[in-house]
Amino acid sequence: MAANEMDAKIREVLEELRGALQADGGDLEVVAIQGTKVTLKLKGACGCCPHAQMTLKNGIERILRERVSEDIVVERATEEK
């Protein structure tokens, strides 16, 4: 899969997942996609949720691996102060 094709597929899946996050009062923002590394910022209720890391790894990363590429790694963007 070409890089731009993978980027588009990742964004498509993330857009679908945003609906579930928004239903819980949260959201996500794509900070960067570099090959199979996806950096996301969780916002709203998701940004301060104690389960945010689990949402990223066991939820978003797992779904992206199933639907796009098993090599995808999702990381949480570090907050700049």
Protein backbone atom coordinates (compact mmCIF):
# COMPACT_ATOMS: atom_id res chain seq x y z
CA MET A 1 0.00 0.00 0.00
CA ALA A 2 1.43 3.37 -1.02
CA ALA A 3 2.15 5.91 1.72
CA ASN A 4 -0.51 8.37 0.58
CA GLU A 5 -3.03 5.53 0.23
CA MET A 6 -2.27 4.33 3.77
CA ASP A 7 -2.51 7.89 5.11
CA ALA A 8 -5.94 8.29 3.50
CA LYS A 9 -7.18 4.95 4.87
CA ILE A 10 -5.93 5.77 8.38
CA ARG A 11 -7.71 9.13 8.28
CA GLU A 12 -10.90 7.48 7.00
CA VAL A 13 -10.95 4.97 9.88
CA LEU A 14 -10.11 7.67 12.44
CA GLU A 15 -12.99 9.79 11.16
CA GLU A 16 -15.34 6.85 11.77
CA LEU A 17 -13.96 6.37 15.29
CA ARG A 18 -14.43 10.05 16.14
CA GLY A 19 -18.19 9.48 16.30
CA ALA A 20 -17.82 7.05 19.20
CA LEU A 21 -15.49 9.41 21.05
CA GLN A 22 -17.79 12.38 20.44
CA ALA A 23 -20.73 10.37 21.85
CA ASP A 24 -18.76 10.18 25.12
CA GLY A 25 -17.94 13.92 25.12
CA GLY A 26 -14.47 13.56 23.62
CA ASP A 27 -12.72 13.79 20.29
CA LEU A 28 -9.38 13.18 18.64
CA GLU A 29 -7.03 15.24 16.55
CA VAL A 30 -4.47 13.80 14.15
CA VAL A 31 -1.13 15.38 15.01
CA ALA A 32 0.97 13.39 12.54
CA ILE A 33 1.02 10.29 10.38
CA GLN A 34 4.52 9.14 9.50
CA GLY A 35 4.33 5.83 7.68
CA THR A 36 2.81 3.43 10.21
CA LYS A 37 3.31 5.75 13.21
CA VAL A 38 0.15 7.68 14.07
CA THR A 39 0.31 10.45 16.67
CA LEU A 40 -3.02 11.56 18.09
CA LYS A 41 -4.22 14.11 20.60
CA LEU A 42 -7.30 13.18 22.59
CA LYS A 43 -9.56 16.13 23.35
CA GLY A 44 -12.55 16.92 25.53
CA ALA A 45 -13.53 14.23 28.02
CA CYS A 46 -11.07 11.82 26.37
CA GLY A 47 -8.11 14.15 26.91
CA CYS A 48 -8.30 13.97 30.70
CA CYS A 49 -9.74 10.46 31.02
CA PRO A 50 -7.62 8.07 33.12
CA HIS A 51 -8.29 5.41 30.45
CA ALA A 52 -6.98 7.52 27.55
CA GLN A 53 -3.88 5.38 26.97
CA MET A 54 -6.03 2.25 26.94
CA THR A 55 -8.39 3.93 24.43
CA LEU A 56 -5.42 4.62 22.16
CA LYS A 57 -3.77 1.19 22.40
CA ASN A 58 -6.65 -1.25 22.95
CA GLY A 59 -9.17 0.68 20.91
CA ILE A 60 -7.85 2.94 18.16
CA GLU A 61 -4.54 1.14 17.51
CA ARG A 62 -6.21 -2.30 17.49
CA ILE A 63 -8.86 -1.17 14.99
CA LEU A 64 -6.29 0.51 12.72
CA ARG A 65 -4.17 -2.66 12.80
CA GLU A 66 -7.19 -4.78 11.85
CA ARG A 67 -8.44 -2.49 9.09
CA VAL A 68 -5.32 -0.84 7.65
CA SER A 69 -1.99 -2.46 8.60
CA GLU A 70 -0.80 -4.70 11.43
CA ASP A 71 2.34 -2.54 11.65
CA ILE A 72 0.54 0.61 12.84
CA VAL A 73 1.62 2.09 16.16
CA VAL A 74 -0.53 4.78 17.80
CA GLU A 75 1.08 7.25 20.17
CA ARG A 76 -0.39 10.03 22.24
CA ALA A 77 0.88 13.50 21.48
CA THR A 78 2.75 15.04 24.37
CA GLU A 79 1.21 18.18 25.74
CA GLU A 80 3.21 21.34 25.20
CA LYS A 81 3.13 23.69 28.15
